[in-house]
Full PDB file with SEQRES, HELIX, SHEET, SSBOND, CRYST1, ORIGX, SCALE, CONECT and MASTER records, all heavy atoms in Angstrom:
SEQRES   1 A   42  SER VAL ARG ARG ASP SER GLY GLU PRO VAL TRP THR ALA          
SEQRES   2 A   42  PHE PHE HIS SER ILE LYS GLU ASN PHE TRP GLN GLY MET          
SEQRES   3 A   42  TYR LEU ASN LEU ILE PHE LEU GLY TYR CYS GLY MET ALA          
SEQRES   4 A   42  CYS THR VAL                                                  
HELIX    1 AA1 VAL A   10  THR A   41  1                                  32    
CRYST1    1.000    1.000    1.000  90.00  90.00  90.00 P 1           1          
ORIGX1      1.000000  0.000000  0.000000        0.00000                         
ORIGX2      0.000000  1.000000  0.000000        0.00000                         
ORIGX3      0.000000  0.000000  1.000000        0.00000                         
SCALE1      1.000000  0.000000  0.000000        0.00000                         
SCALE2      0.000000  1.000000  0.000000        0.00000                         
SCALE3      0.000000  0.000000  1.000000        0.00000                         
ATOM      1  N   SER A   1      42.820 -59.977 -37.371  1.00  0.00           N  
ATOM      2  CA  SER A   1      43.239 -59.057 -36.348  1.00  0.00           C  
ATOM      3  C   SER A   1      42.277 -57.809 -36.298  1.00  0.00           C  
ATOM      4  O   SER A   1      42.063 -57.216 -35.307  1.00  0.00           O  
ATOM      5  CB  SER A   1      44.658 -58.499 -36.548  1.00  0.00           C  
ATOM      6  OG  SER A   1      45.516 -59.554 -36.409  1.00  0.00           O  
ATOM      7  N   VAL A   2      41.674 -57.439 -37.421  1.00  0.00           N  
ATOM      8  CA  VAL A   2      40.819 -56.252 -37.504  1.00  0.00           C  
ATOM      9  C   VAL A   2      39.385 -56.620 -37.433  1.00  0.00           C  
ATOM     10  O   VAL A   2      38.602 -56.196 -36.576  1.00  0.00           O  
ATOM     11  CB  VAL A   2      41.081 -55.450 -38.735  1.00  0.00           C  
ATOM     12  CG1 VAL A   2      40.224 -54.136 -38.816  1.00  0.00           C  
ATOM     13  CG2 VAL A   2      42.582 -54.976 -38.772  1.00  0.00           C  
ATOM     14  N   ARG A   3      38.899 -57.394 -38.408  1.00  0.00           N  
ATOM     15  CA  ARG A   3      37.475 -57.738 -38.508  1.00  0.00           C  
ATOM     16  C   ARG A   3      37.099 -58.612 -37.239  1.00  0.00           C  
ATOM     17  O   ARG A   3      36.042 -58.374 -36.633  1.00  0.00           O  
ATOM     18  CB  ARG A   3      37.181 -58.417 -39.761  1.00  0.00           C  
ATOM     19  CG  ARG A   3      35.696 -58.861 -39.838  1.00  0.00           C  
ATOM     20  CD  ARG A   3      35.308 -59.504 -41.081  1.00  0.00           C  
ATOM     21  NE  ARG A   3      33.947 -60.024 -40.971  1.00  0.00           N  
ATOM     22  CZ  ARG A   3      33.319 -60.589 -41.993  1.00  0.00           C  
ATOM     23  NH1 ARG A   3      33.786 -60.626 -43.176  1.00  0.00           N  
ATOM     24  NH2 ARG A   3      32.096 -61.067 -41.745  1.00  0.00           N  
ATOM     25  N   ARG A   4      37.845 -59.731 -36.995  1.00  0.00           N  
ATOM     26  CA  ARG A   4      37.452 -60.603 -35.953  1.00  0.00           C  
ATOM     27  C   ARG A   4      38.031 -60.212 -34.547  1.00  0.00           C  
ATOM     28  O   ARG A   4      37.641 -60.720 -33.556  1.00  0.00           O  
ATOM     29  CB  ARG A   4      37.966 -62.040 -36.279  1.00  0.00           C  
ATOM     30  CG  ARG A   4      37.270 -62.610 -37.481  1.00  0.00           C  
ATOM     31  CD  ARG A   4      37.742 -64.022 -37.737  1.00  0.00           C  
ATOM     32  NE  ARG A   4      37.115 -64.578 -38.896  1.00  0.00           N  
ATOM     33  CZ  ARG A   4      37.435 -65.740 -39.442  1.00  0.00           C  
ATOM     34  NH1 ARG A   4      38.403 -66.416 -38.970  1.00  0.00           N  
ATOM     35  NH2 ARG A   4      36.803 -66.198 -40.453  1.00  0.00           N  
ATOM     36  N   ASP A   5      38.884 -59.207 -34.546  1.00  0.00           N  
ATOM     37  CA  ASP A   5      39.449 -58.680 -33.255  1.00  0.00           C  
ATOM     38  C   ASP A   5      39.971 -59.815 -32.421  1.00  0.00           C  
ATOM     39  O   ASP A   5      39.556 -59.971 -31.256  1.00  0.00           O  
ATOM     40  CB  ASP A   5      38.413 -57.896 -32.570  1.00  0.00           C  
ATOM     41  CG  ASP A   5      39.034 -57.092 -31.460  1.00  0.00           C  
ATOM     42  OD1 ASP A   5      40.241 -56.871 -31.410  1.00  0.00           O  
ATOM     43  OD2 ASP A   5      38.244 -56.660 -30.507  1.00  0.00           O  
ATOM     44  N   SER A   6      40.866 -60.663 -32.975  1.00  0.00           N  
ATOM     45  CA  SER A   6      41.290 -61.799 -32.234  1.00  0.00           C  
ATOM     46  C   SER A   6      42.331 -61.489 -31.159  1.00  0.00           C  
ATOM     47  O   SER A   6      42.542 -62.380 -30.267  1.00  0.00           O  
ATOM     48  CB  SER A   6      42.083 -62.757 -33.223  1.00  0.00           C  
ATOM     49  OG  SER A   6      43.266 -62.085 -33.733  1.00  0.00           O  
ATOM     50  N   GLY A   7      42.749 -60.255 -31.117  1.00  0.00           N  
ATOM     51  CA  GLY A   7      43.752 -59.874 -30.098  1.00  0.00           C  
ATOM     52  C   GLY A   7      45.175 -59.990 -30.494  1.00  0.00           C  
ATOM     53  O   GLY A   7      46.081 -59.495 -29.814  1.00  0.00           O  
ATOM     54  N   GLU A   8      45.336 -60.697 -31.677  1.00  0.00           N  
ATOM     55  CA  GLU A   8      46.703 -60.844 -32.224  1.00  0.00           C  
ATOM     56  C   GLU A   8      47.098 -59.624 -33.000  1.00  0.00           C  
ATOM     57  O   GLU A   8      46.274 -59.164 -33.870  1.00  0.00           O  
ATOM     58  CB  GLU A   8      46.773 -62.070 -33.186  1.00  0.00           C  
ATOM     59  CG  GLU A   8      48.183 -62.325 -33.719  1.00  0.00           C  
ATOM     60  CD  GLU A   8      48.220 -63.614 -34.510  1.00  0.00           C  
ATOM     61  OE1 GLU A   8      47.121 -64.224 -34.724  1.00  0.00           O  
ATOM     62  OE2 GLU A   8      49.306 -64.017 -34.993  1.00  0.00           O  
ATOM     63  N   PRO A   9      48.218 -58.984 -32.778  1.00  0.00           N  
ATOM     64  CA  PRO A   9      48.580 -57.789 -33.487  1.00  0.00           C  
ATOM     65  C   PRO A   9      48.680 -58.088 -35.012  1.00  0.00           C  
ATOM     66  O   PRO A   9      48.991 -59.205 -35.449  1.00  0.00           O  
ATOM     67  CB  PRO A   9      50.005 -57.504 -33.013  1.00  0.00           C  
ATOM     68  CG  PRO A   9      50.076 -58.099 -31.701  1.00  0.00           C  
ATOM     69  CD  PRO A   9      49.195 -59.360 -31.766  1.00  0.00           C  
ATOM     70  N   VAL A  10      48.318 -57.100 -35.779  1.00  0.00           N  
ATOM     71  CA  VAL A  10      48.135 -57.303 -37.330  1.00  0.00           C  
ATOM     72  C   VAL A  10      49.434 -57.685 -37.901  1.00  0.00           C  
ATOM     73  O   VAL A  10      49.467 -58.548 -38.820  1.00  0.00           O  
ATOM     74  CB  VAL A  10      47.544 -56.081 -37.951  1.00  0.00           C  
ATOM     75  CG1 VAL A  10      48.505 -54.871 -37.921  1.00  0.00           C  
ATOM     76  CG2 VAL A  10      47.045 -56.360 -39.318  1.00  0.00           C  
ATOM     77  N   TRP A  11      50.547 -57.142 -37.386  1.00  0.00           N  
ATOM     78  CA  TRP A  11      51.814 -57.525 -37.864  1.00  0.00           C  
ATOM     79  C   TRP A  11      52.270 -58.982 -37.685  1.00  0.00           C  
ATOM     80  O   TRP A  11      52.854 -59.630 -38.500  1.00  0.00           O  
ATOM     81  CB  TRP A  11      52.955 -56.587 -37.489  1.00  0.00           C  
ATOM     82  CG  TRP A  11      52.985 -56.354 -36.025  1.00  0.00           C  
ATOM     83  CD1 TRP A  11      53.561 -57.013 -35.087  1.00  0.00           C  
ATOM     84  CD2 TRP A  11      52.253 -55.248 -35.328  1.00  0.00           C  
ATOM     85  NE1 TRP A  11      53.345 -56.551 -33.800  1.00  0.00           N  
ATOM     86  CE2 TRP A  11      52.552 -55.420 -33.945  1.00  0.00           C  
ATOM     87  CE3 TRP A  11      51.440 -54.193 -35.740  1.00  0.00           C  
ATOM     88  CZ2 TRP A  11      52.065 -54.523 -32.997  1.00  0.00           C  
ATOM     89  CZ3 TRP A  11      50.958 -53.321 -34.808  1.00  0.00           C  
ATOM     90  CH2 TRP A  11      51.268 -53.543 -33.427  1.00  0.00           C  
ATOM     91  N   THR A  12      51.866 -59.497 -36.533  1.00  0.00           N  
ATOM     92  CA  THR A  12      52.122 -60.885 -36.148  1.00  0.00           C  
ATOM     93  C   THR A  12      51.307 -61.765 -37.126  1.00  0.00           C  
ATOM     94  O   THR A  12      51.918 -62.804 -37.671  1.00  0.00           O  
ATOM     95  CB  THR A  12      51.681 -61.171 -34.737  1.00  0.00           C  
ATOM     96  OG1 THR A  12      52.455 -60.272 -33.845  1.00  0.00           O  
ATOM     97  CG2 THR A  12      52.019 -62.667 -34.379  1.00  0.00           C  
ATOM     98  N   ALA A  13      50.067 -61.518 -37.328  1.00  0.00           N  
ATOM     99  CA  ALA A  13      49.263 -62.311 -38.241  1.00  0.00           C  
ATOM    100  C   ALA A  13      49.747 -62.224 -39.697  1.00  0.00           C  
ATOM    101  O   ALA A  13      49.800 -63.181 -40.400  1.00  0.00           O  
ATOM    102  CB  ALA A  13      47.739 -61.818 -38.182  1.00  0.00           C  
ATOM    103  N   PHE A  14      50.229 -61.063 -40.053  1.00  0.00           N  
ATOM    104  CA  PHE A  14      50.768 -60.744 -41.426  1.00  0.00           C  
ATOM    105  C   PHE A  14      51.968 -61.657 -41.665  1.00  0.00           C  
ATOM    106  O   PHE A  14      52.017 -62.401 -42.666  1.00  0.00           O  
ATOM    107  CB  PHE A  14      51.085 -59.307 -41.649  1.00  0.00           C  
ATOM    108  CG  PHE A  14      51.531 -58.921 -42.949  1.00  0.00           C  
ATOM    109  CD1 PHE A  14      50.600 -58.528 -43.934  1.00  0.00           C  
ATOM    110  CD2 PHE A  14      52.888 -59.067 -43.333  1.00  0.00           C  
ATOM    111  CE1 PHE A  14      50.994 -58.216 -45.194  1.00  0.00           C  
ATOM    112  CE2 PHE A  14      53.243 -58.723 -44.633  1.00  0.00           C  
ATOM    113  CZ  PHE A  14      52.342 -58.256 -45.536  1.00  0.00           C  
ATOM    114  N   PHE A  15      52.916 -61.676 -40.763  1.00  0.00           N  
ATOM    115  CA  PHE A  15      54.133 -62.432 -41.004  1.00  0.00           C  
ATOM    116  C   PHE A  15      53.906 -63.940 -40.779  1.00  0.00           C  
ATOM    117  O   PHE A  15      54.613 -64.700 -41.385  1.00  0.00           O  
ATOM    118  CB  PHE A  15      55.248 -61.872 -40.093  1.00  0.00           C  
ATOM    119  CG  PHE A  15      55.822 -60.623 -40.586  1.00  0.00           C  
ATOM    120  CD1 PHE A  15      55.637 -59.430 -39.872  1.00  0.00           C  
ATOM    121  CD2 PHE A  15      56.504 -60.500 -41.811  1.00  0.00           C  
ATOM    122  CE1 PHE A  15      56.141 -58.212 -40.295  1.00  0.00           C  
ATOM    123  CE2 PHE A  15      56.938 -59.254 -42.304  1.00  0.00           C  
ATOM    124  CZ  PHE A  15      56.824 -58.157 -41.537  1.00  0.00           C  
ATOM    125  N   HIS A  16      52.905 -64.283 -39.950  1.00  0.00           N  
ATOM    126  CA  HIS A  16      52.603 -65.680 -39.858  1.00  0.00           C  
ATOM    127  C   HIS A  16      52.086 -66.192 -41.232  1.00  0.00           C  
ATOM    128  O   HIS A  16      52.521 -67.332 -41.638  1.00  0.00           O  
ATOM    129  CB  HIS A  16      51.505 -65.846 -38.816  1.00  0.00           C  
ATOM    130  CG  HIS A  16      50.867 -67.281 -38.858  1.00  0.00           C  
ATOM    131  ND1 HIS A  16      51.461 -68.319 -38.248  1.00  0.00           N  
ATOM    132  CD2 HIS A  16      49.736 -67.770 -39.408  1.00  0.00           C  
ATOM    133  CE1 HIS A  16      50.785 -69.465 -38.419  1.00  0.00           C  
ATOM    134  NE2 HIS A  16      49.671 -69.051 -39.082  1.00  0.00           N  
ATOM    135  N   SER A  17      51.247 -65.483 -41.874  1.00  0.00           N  
ATOM    136  CA  SER A  17      50.736 -65.926 -43.144  1.00  0.00           C  
ATOM    137  C   SER A  17      51.830 -65.842 -44.237  1.00  0.00           C  
ATOM    138  O   SER A  17      51.933 -66.688 -45.105  1.00  0.00           O  
ATOM    139  CB  SER A  17      49.626 -64.949 -43.614  1.00  0.00           C  
ATOM    140  OG  SER A  17      49.078 -65.371 -44.886  1.00  0.00           O  
ATOM    141  N   ILE A  18      52.668 -64.858 -44.203  1.00  0.00           N  
ATOM    142  CA  ILE A  18      53.794 -64.753 -45.152  1.00  0.00           C  
ATOM    143  C   ILE A  18      54.643 -66.031 -45.016  1.00  0.00           C  
ATOM    144  O   ILE A  18      55.002 -66.696 -46.086  1.00  0.00           O  
ATOM    145  CB  ILE A  18      54.755 -63.519 -44.859  1.00  0.00           C  
ATOM    146  CG1 ILE A  18      54.035 -62.302 -45.398  1.00  0.00           C  
ATOM    147  CG2 ILE A  18      56.096 -63.748 -45.412  1.00  0.00           C  
ATOM    148  CD1 ILE A  18      54.287 -61.973 -46.848  1.00  0.00           C  
ATOM    149  N   LYS A  19      54.979 -66.397 -43.818  1.00  0.00           N  
ATOM    150  CA  LYS A  19      55.815 -67.645 -43.638  1.00  0.00           C  
ATOM    151  C   LYS A  19      55.079 -68.845 -44.098  1.00  0.00           C  
ATOM    152  O   LYS A  19      55.719 -69.751 -44.766  1.00  0.00           O  
ATOM    153  CB  LYS A  19      56.082 -67.771 -42.100  1.00  0.00           C  
ATOM    154  CG  LYS A  19      57.044 -68.951 -41.775  1.00  0.00           C  
ATOM    155  CD  LYS A  19      57.314 -69.031 -40.287  1.00  0.00           C  
ATOM    156  CE  LYS A  19      58.208 -70.212 -39.971  1.00  0.00           C  
ATOM    157  NZ  LYS A  19      58.468 -70.285 -38.461  1.00  0.00           N  
ATOM    158  N   GLU A  20      53.801 -68.989 -43.876  1.00  0.00           N  
ATOM    159  CA  GLU A  20      53.078 -70.161 -44.198  1.00  0.00           C  
ATOM    160  C   GLU A  20      52.814 -70.334 -45.737  1.00  0.00           C  
ATOM    161  O   GLU A  20      52.775 -71.425 -46.271  1.00  0.00           O  
ATOM    162  CB  GLU A  20      51.749 -70.160 -43.425  1.00  0.00           C  
ATOM    163  CG  GLU A  20      50.928 -71.483 -43.577  1.00  0.00           C  
ATOM    164  CD  GLU A  20      49.718 -71.504 -42.728  1.00  0.00           C  
ATOM    165  OE1 GLU A  20      48.948 -70.443 -42.774  1.00  0.00           O  
ATOM    166  OE2 GLU A  20      49.415 -72.496 -42.041  1.00  0.00           O  
ATOM    167  N   ASN A  21      52.576 -69.107 -46.357  1.00  0.00           N  
ATOM    168  CA  ASN A  21      52.097 -69.150 -47.802  1.00  0.00           C  
ATOM    169  C   ASN A  21      53.090 -68.562 -48.719  1.00  0.00           C  
ATOM    170  O   ASN A  21      52.702 -68.250 -49.919  1.00  0.00           O  
ATOM    171  CB  ASN A  21      50.777 -68.451 -47.866  1.00  0.00           C  
ATOM    172  CG  ASN A  21      49.649 -69.067 -47.081  1.00  0.00           C  
ATOM    173  OD1 ASN A  21      49.283 -70.208 -47.204  1.00  0.00           O  
ATOM    174  ND2 ASN A  21      49.196 -68.293 -46.041  1.00  0.00           N  
ATOM    175  N   PHE A  22      54.369 -68.367 -48.358  1.00  0.00           N  
ATOM    176  CA  PHE A  22      55.239 -67.572 -49.230  1.00  0.00           C  
ATOM    177  C   PHE A  22      55.421 -68.251 -50.557  1.00  0.00           C  
ATOM    178  O   PHE A  22      55.231 -67.610 -51.627  1.00  0.00           O  
ATOM    179  CB  PHE A  22      56.627 -67.431 -48.568  1.00  0.00           C  
ATOM    180  CG  PHE A  22      57.532 -66.623 -49.382  1.00  0.00           C  
ATOM    181  CD1 PHE A  22      57.582 -65.258 -49.298  1.00  0.00           C  
ATOM    182  CD2 PHE A  22      58.553 -67.286 -50.081  1.00  0.00           C  
ATOM    183  CE1 PHE A  22      58.444 -64.496 -50.032  1.00  0.00           C  
ATOM    184  CE2 PHE A  22      59.519 -66.503 -50.850  1.00  0.00           C  
ATOM    185  CZ  PHE A  22      59.358 -65.163 -50.848  1.00  0.00           C  
ATOM    186  N   TRP A  23      55.814 -69.509 -50.653  1.00  0.00           N  
ATOM    187  CA  TRP A  23      56.234 -70.126 -51.912  1.00  0.00           C  
ATOM    188  C   TRP A  23      54.910 -70.365 -52.757  1.00  0.00           C  
ATOM    189  O   TRP A  23      54.938 -70.045 -53.939  1.00  0.00           O  
ATOM    190  CB  TRP A  23      56.907 -71.446 -51.714  1.00  0.00           C  
ATOM    191  CG  TRP A  23      58.357 -71.231 -51.174  1.00  0.00           C  
ATOM    192  CD1 TRP A  23      58.768 -71.505 -49.866  1.00  0.00           C  
ATOM    193  CD2 TRP A  23      59.420 -70.670 -51.829  1.00  0.00           C  
ATOM    194  NE1 TRP A  23      60.044 -71.106 -49.730  1.00  0.00           N  
ATOM    195  CE2 TRP A  23      60.478 -70.597 -50.889  1.00  0.00           C  
ATOM    196  CE3 TRP A  23      59.627 -70.169 -53.089  1.00  0.00           C  
ATOM    197  CZ2 TRP A  23      61.738 -70.070 -51.254  1.00  0.00           C  
ATOM    198  CZ3 TRP A  23      60.849 -69.645 -53.457  1.00  0.00           C  
ATOM    199  CH2 TRP A  23      61.905 -69.644 -52.518  1.00  0.00           C  
ATOM    200  N   GLN A  24      53.893 -70.783 -52.178  1.00  0.00           N  
ATOM    201  CA  GLN A  24      52.658 -71.056 -52.916  1.00  0.00           C  
ATOM    202  C   GLN A  24      52.149 -69.699 -53.536  1.00  0.00           C  
ATOM    203  O   GLN A  24      51.661 -69.552 -54.604  1.00  0.00           O  
ATOM    204  CB  GLN A  24      51.602 -71.777 -52.106  1.00  0.00           C  
ATOM    205  CG  GLN A  24      50.401 -72.167 -52.936  1.00  0.00           C  
ATOM    206  CD  GLN A  24      49.394 -72.936 -52.174  1.00  0.00           C  
ATOM    207  OE1 GLN A  24      49.584 -73.296 -50.997  1.00  0.00           O  
ATOM    208  NE2 GLN A  24      48.284 -73.328 -52.804  1.00  0.00           N  
ATOM    209  N   GLY A  25      52.156 -68.698 -52.649  1.00  0.00           N  
ATOM    210  CA  GLY A  25      51.691 -67.317 -53.038  1.00  0.00           C  
ATOM    211  C   GLY A  25      52.519 -66.819 -54.118  1.00  0.00           C  
ATOM    212  O   GLY A  25      51.994 -66.136 -55.048  1.00  0.00           O  
ATOM    213  N   MET A  26      53.824 -66.998 -54.079  1.00  0.00           N  
ATOM    214  CA  MET A  26      54.640 -66.487 -55.144  1.00  0.00           C  
ATOM    215  C   MET A  26      54.445 -67.200 -56.436  1.00  0.00           C  
ATOM    216  O   MET A  26      54.384 -66.590 -57.564  1.00  0.00           O  
ATOM    217  CB  MET A  26      56.140 -66.662 -54.761  1.00  0.00           C  
ATOM    218  CG  MET A  26      57.171 -65.946 -55.689  1.00  0.00           C  
ATOM    219  SD  MET A  26      58.840 -65.871 -55.050  1.00  0.00           S  
ATOM    220  CE  MET A  26      59.241 -67.552 -55.114  1.00  0.00           C  
ATOM    221  N   TYR A  27      54.179 -68.539 -56.391  1.00  0.00           N  
ATOM    222  CA  TYR A  27      53.935 -69.291 -57.620  1.00  0.00           C  
ATOM    223  C   TYR A  27      52.661 -68.831 -58.233  1.00  0.00           C  
ATOM    224  O   TYR A  27      52.516 -68.666 -59.498  1.00  0.00           O  
ATOM    225  CB  TYR A  27      53.948 -70.743 -57.355  1.00  0.00           C  
ATOM    226  CG  TYR A  27      55.320 -71.419 -56.954  1.00  0.00           C  
ATOM    227  CD1 TYR A  27      55.402 -72.424 -56.089  1.00  0.00           C  
ATOM    228  CD2 TYR A  27      56.436 -70.843 -57.543  1.00  0.00           C  
ATOM    229  CE1 TYR A  27      56.595 -72.996 -55.725  1.00  0.00           C  
ATOM    230  CE2 TYR A  27      57.654 -71.288 -57.155  1.00  0.00           C  
ATOM    231  CZ  TYR A  27      57.823 -72.431 -56.277  1.00  0.00           C  
ATOM    232  OH  TYR A  27      58.990 -72.931 -55.892  1.00  0.00           O  
ATOM    233  N   LEU A  28      51.613 -68.580 -57.359  1.00  0.00           N  
ATOM    234  CA  LEU A  28      50.353 -68.158 -57.889  1.00  0.00           C  
ATOM    235  C   LEU A  28      50.424 -66.749 -58.454  1.00  0.00           C  
ATOM    236  O   LEU A  28      49.856 -66.503 -59.549  1.00  0.00           O  
ATOM    237  CB  LEU A  28      49.291 -68.154 -56.705  1.00  0.00           C  
ATOM    238  CG  LEU A  28      47.863 -67.769 -57.072  1.00  0.00           C  
ATOM    239  CD1 LEU A  28      47.312 -68.779 -58.031  1.00  0.00           C  
ATOM    240  CD2 LEU A  28      47.015 -67.672 -55.718  1.00  0.00           C  
ATOM    241  N   ASN A  29      51.264 -65.934 -57.874  1.00  0.00           N  
ATOM    242  CA  ASN A  29      51.505 -64.580 -58.395  1.00  0.00           C  
ATOM    243  C   ASN A  29      52.203 -64.668 -59.792  1.00  0.00           C  
ATOM    244  O   ASN A  29      51.865 -63.959 -60.712  1.00  0.00           O  
ATOM    245  CB  ASN A  29      52.395 -63.779 -57.462  1.00  0.00           C  
ATOM    246  CG  ASN A  29      52.583 -62.350 -57.919  1.00  0.00           C  
ATOM    247  OD1 ASN A  29      51.642 -61.629 -58.164  1.00  0.00           O  
ATOM    248  ND2 ASN A  29      53.924 -61.934 -58.074  1.00  0.00           N  
ATOM    249  N   LEU A  30      53.165 -65.583 -59.903  1.00  0.00           N  
ATOM    250  CA  LEU A  30      53.819 -65.754 -61.216  1.00  0.00           C  
ATOM    251  C   LEU A  30      52.851 -66.195 -62.349  1.00  0.00           C  
ATOM    252  O   LEU A  30      52.995 -65.826 -63.443  1.00  0.00           O  
ATOM    253  CB  LEU A  30      54.995 -66.760 -61.067  1.00  0.00           C  
ATOM    254  CG  LEU A  30      56.193 -66.282 -60.258  1.00  0.00           C  
ATOM    255  CD1 LEU A  30      57.203 -67.378 -60.094  1.00  0.00           C  
ATOM    256  CD2 LEU A  30      56.933 -65.100 -60.968  1.00  0.00           C  
ATOM    257  N   ILE A  31      51.890 -67.074 -61.941  1.00  0.00           N  
ATOM    258  CA  ILE A  31      50.870 -67.488 -62.839  1.00  0.00           C  
ATOM    259  C   ILE A  31      50.103 -66.340 -63.363  1.00  0.00           C  
ATOM    260  O   ILE A  31      49.808 -66.101 -64.536  1.00  0.00           O  
ATOM    261  CB  ILE A  31      49.931 -68.540 -62.202  1.00  0.00           C  
ATOM    262  CG1 ILE A  31      50.693 -69.825 -61.999  1.00  0.00           C  
ATOM    263  CG2 ILE A  31      48.722 -68.778 -63.108  1.00  0.00           C  
ATOM    264  CD1 ILE A  31      49.866 -70.870 -61.177  1.00  0.00           C  
ATOM    265  N   PHE A  32      49.672 -65.425 -62.485  1.00  0.00           N  
ATOM    266  CA  PHE A  32      48.873 -64.187 -62.813  1.00  0.00           C  
ATOM    267  C   PHE A  32      49.747 -63.234 -63.567  1.00  0.00           C  
ATOM    268  O   PHE A  32      49.219 -62.639 -64.597  1.00  0.00           O  
ATOM    269  CB  PHE A  32      48.289 -63.602 -61.659  1.00  0.00           C  
ATOM    270  CG  PHE A  32      46.988 -64.170 -61.142  1.00  0.00           C  
ATOM    271  CD1 PHE A  32      46.918 -64.862 -59.898  1.00  0.00           C  
ATOM    272  CD2 PHE A  32      45.864 -64.228 -61.935  1.00  0.00           C  
ATOM    273  CE1 PHE A  32      45.748 -65.452 -59.445  1.00  0.00           C  
ATOM    274  CE2 PHE A  32      44.713 -64.797 -61.520  1.00  0.00           C  
ATOM    275  CZ  PHE A  32      44.608 -65.448 -60.240  1.00  0.00           C  
ATOM    276  N   LEU A  33      51.032 -63.142 -63.266  1.00  0.00           N  
ATOM    277  CA  LEU A  33      51.886 -62.165 -63.958  1.00  0.00           C  
ATOM    278  C   LEU A  33      52.135 -62.655 -65.414  1.00  0.00           C  
ATOM    279  O   LEU A  33      52.015 -61.886 -66.403  1.00  0.00           O  
ATOM    280  CB  LEU A  33      53.215 -62.075 -63.273  1.00  0.00           C  
ATOM    281  CG  LEU A  33      53.221 -61.229 -62.006  1.00  0.00           C  
ATOM    282  CD1 LEU A  33      54.616 -61.286 -61.327  1.00  0.00           C  
ATOM    283  CD2 LEU A  33      52.870 -59.766 -62.212  1.00  0.00           C  
ATOM    284  N   GLY A  34      52.259 -63.992 -65.537  1.00  0.00           N  
ATOM    285  CA  GLY A  34      52.476 -64.499 -66.904  1.00  0.00           C  
ATOM    286  C   GLY A  34      51.215 -64.390 -67.687  1.00  0.00           C  
ATOM    287  O   GLY A  34      51.256 -64.041 -68.926  1.00  0.00           O  
ATOM    288  N   TYR A  35      50.056 -64.655 -67.084  1.00  0.00           N  
ATOM    289  CA  TYR A  35      48.830 -64.527 -67.802  1.00  0.00           C  
ATOM    290  C   TYR A  35      48.513 -63.080 -68.234  1.00  0.00           C  
ATOM    291  O   TYR A  35      48.158 -62.812 -69.401  1.00  0.00           O  
ATOM    292  CB  TYR A  35      47.658 -65.028 -66.862  1.00  0.00           C  
ATOM    293  CG  TYR A  35      46.254 -64.911 -67.430  1.00  0.00           C  
ATOM    294  CD1 TYR A  35      45.770 -65.889 -68.245  1.00  0.00           C  
ATOM    295  CD2 TYR A  35      45.520 -63.702 -67.191  1.00  0.00           C  
ATOM    296  CE1 TYR A  35      44.535 -65.766 -68.790  1.00  0.00           C  
ATOM    297  CE2 TYR A  35      44.250 -63.656 -67.736  1.00  0.00           C  
ATOM    298  CZ  TYR A  35      43.695 -64.626 -68.523  1.00  0.00           C  
ATOM    299  OH  TYR A  35      42.528 -64.488 -69.046  1.00  0.00           O  
ATOM    300  N   CYS A  36      48.808 -62.144 -67.295  1.00  0.00           N  
ATOM    301  CA  CYS A  36      48.531 -60.731 -67.675  1.00  0.00           C  
ATOM    302  C   CYS A  36      49.529 -60.221 -68.659  1.00  0.00           C  
ATOM    303  O   CYS A  36      49.264 -59.378 -69.506  1.00  0.00           O  
ATOM    304  CB  CYS A  36      48.672 -59.837 -66.363  1.00  0.00           C  
ATOM    305  SG  CYS A  36      47.290 -60.071 -65.212  1.00  0.00           S  
ATOM    306  N   GLY A  37      50.776 -60.744 -68.667  1.00  0.00           N  
ATOM    307  CA  GLY A  37      51.783 -60.479 -69.702  1.00  0.00           C  
ATOM    308  C   GLY A  37      51.299 -60.962 -71.011  1.00  0.00           C  
ATOM    309  O   GLY A  37      51.462 -60.225 -72.051  1.00  0.00           O  
ATOM    310  N   MET A  38      50.689 -62.133 -71.045  1.00  0.00           N  
ATOM    311  CA  MET A  38      50.219 -62.617 -72.380  1.00  0.00           C  
ATOM    312  C   MET A  38      49.017 -61.785 -72.854  1.00  0.00           C  
ATOM    313  O   MET A  38      48.959 -61.418 -74.062  1.00  0.00           O  
ATOM    314  CB  MET A  38      49.764 -64.095 -72.203  1.00  0.00           C  
ATOM    315  CG  MET A  38      49.108 -64.659 -73.421  1.00  0.00           C  
ATOM    316  SD  MET A  38      48.373 -66.293 -73.094  1.00  0.00           S  
ATOM    317  CE  MET A  38      46.980 -65.815 -72.043  1.00  0.00           C  
ATOM    318  N   ALA A  39      48.136 -61.454 -71.942  1.00  0.00           N  
ATOM    319  CA  ALA A  39      47.009 -60.613 -72.327  1.00  0.00           C  
ATOM    320  C   ALA A  39      47.411 -59.248 -72.857  1.00  0.00           C  
ATOM    321  O   ALA A  39      46.936 -58.665 -73.777  1.00  0.00           O  
ATOM    322  CB  ALA A  39      46.018 -60.409 -71.175  1.00  0.00           C  
ATOM    323  N   CYS A  40      48.503 -58.619 -72.162  1.00  0.00           N  
ATOM    324  CA  CYS A  40      49.043 -57.313 -72.603  1.00  0.00           C  
ATOM    325  C   CYS A  40      49.610 -57.403 -73.972  1.00  0.00           C  
ATOM    326  O   CYS A  40      49.481 -56.541 -74.752  1.00  0.00           O  
ATOM    327  CB  CYS A  40      50.028 -56.866 -71.564  1.00  0.00           C  
ATOM    328  SG  CYS A  40      50.711 -55.245 -71.853  1.00  0.00           S  
ATOM    329  N   THR A  41      50.316 -58.532 -74.237  1.00  0.00           N  
ATOM    330  CA  THR A  41      50.986 -58.741 -75.561  1.00  0.00           C  
ATOM    331  C   THR A  41      49.957 -58.811 -76.670  1.00  0.00           C  
ATOM    332  O   THR A  41      50.083 -58.133 -77.669  1.00  0.00           O  
ATOM    333  CB  THR A  41      51.841 -59.954 -75.545  1.00  0.00           C  
ATOM    334  OG1 THR A  41      52.814 -59.873 -74.587  1.00  0.00           O  
ATOM    335  CG2 THR A  41      52.504 -60.181 -76.845  1.00  0.00           C  
ATOM    336  N   VAL A  42      48.891 -59.631 -76.369  1.00  0.00           N  
ATOM    337  CA  VAL A  42      47.787 -59.774 -77.367  1.00  0.00           C  
ATOM    338  C   VAL A  42      47.139 -58.394 -77.555  1.00  0.00           C  
ATOM    339  O   VAL A  42      46.897 -58.038 -78.772  1.00  0.00           O  
ATOM    340  CB  VAL A  42      46.810 -60.789 -76.876  1.00  0.00           C  
ATOM    341  CG1 VAL A  42      45.504 -60.839 -77.749  1.00  0.00           C  
ATOM    342  CG2 VAL A  42      47.347 -62.196 -76.796  1.00  0.00           C  
TER     343      VAL A  42                                                      
MASTER        0    0    0    1    0    0    0    6  342    1    0    4          
END                                                                             
């Protein structure tokens, strides 16, 4: 919406991606949180 100026409002594009990638993005986030937690513990 900003760089390519597609004409689609930024909030529409944002929630489209949230809907499409919610579960996979959350699992990826949990991987990084677990990894960073392990690094912090060490």
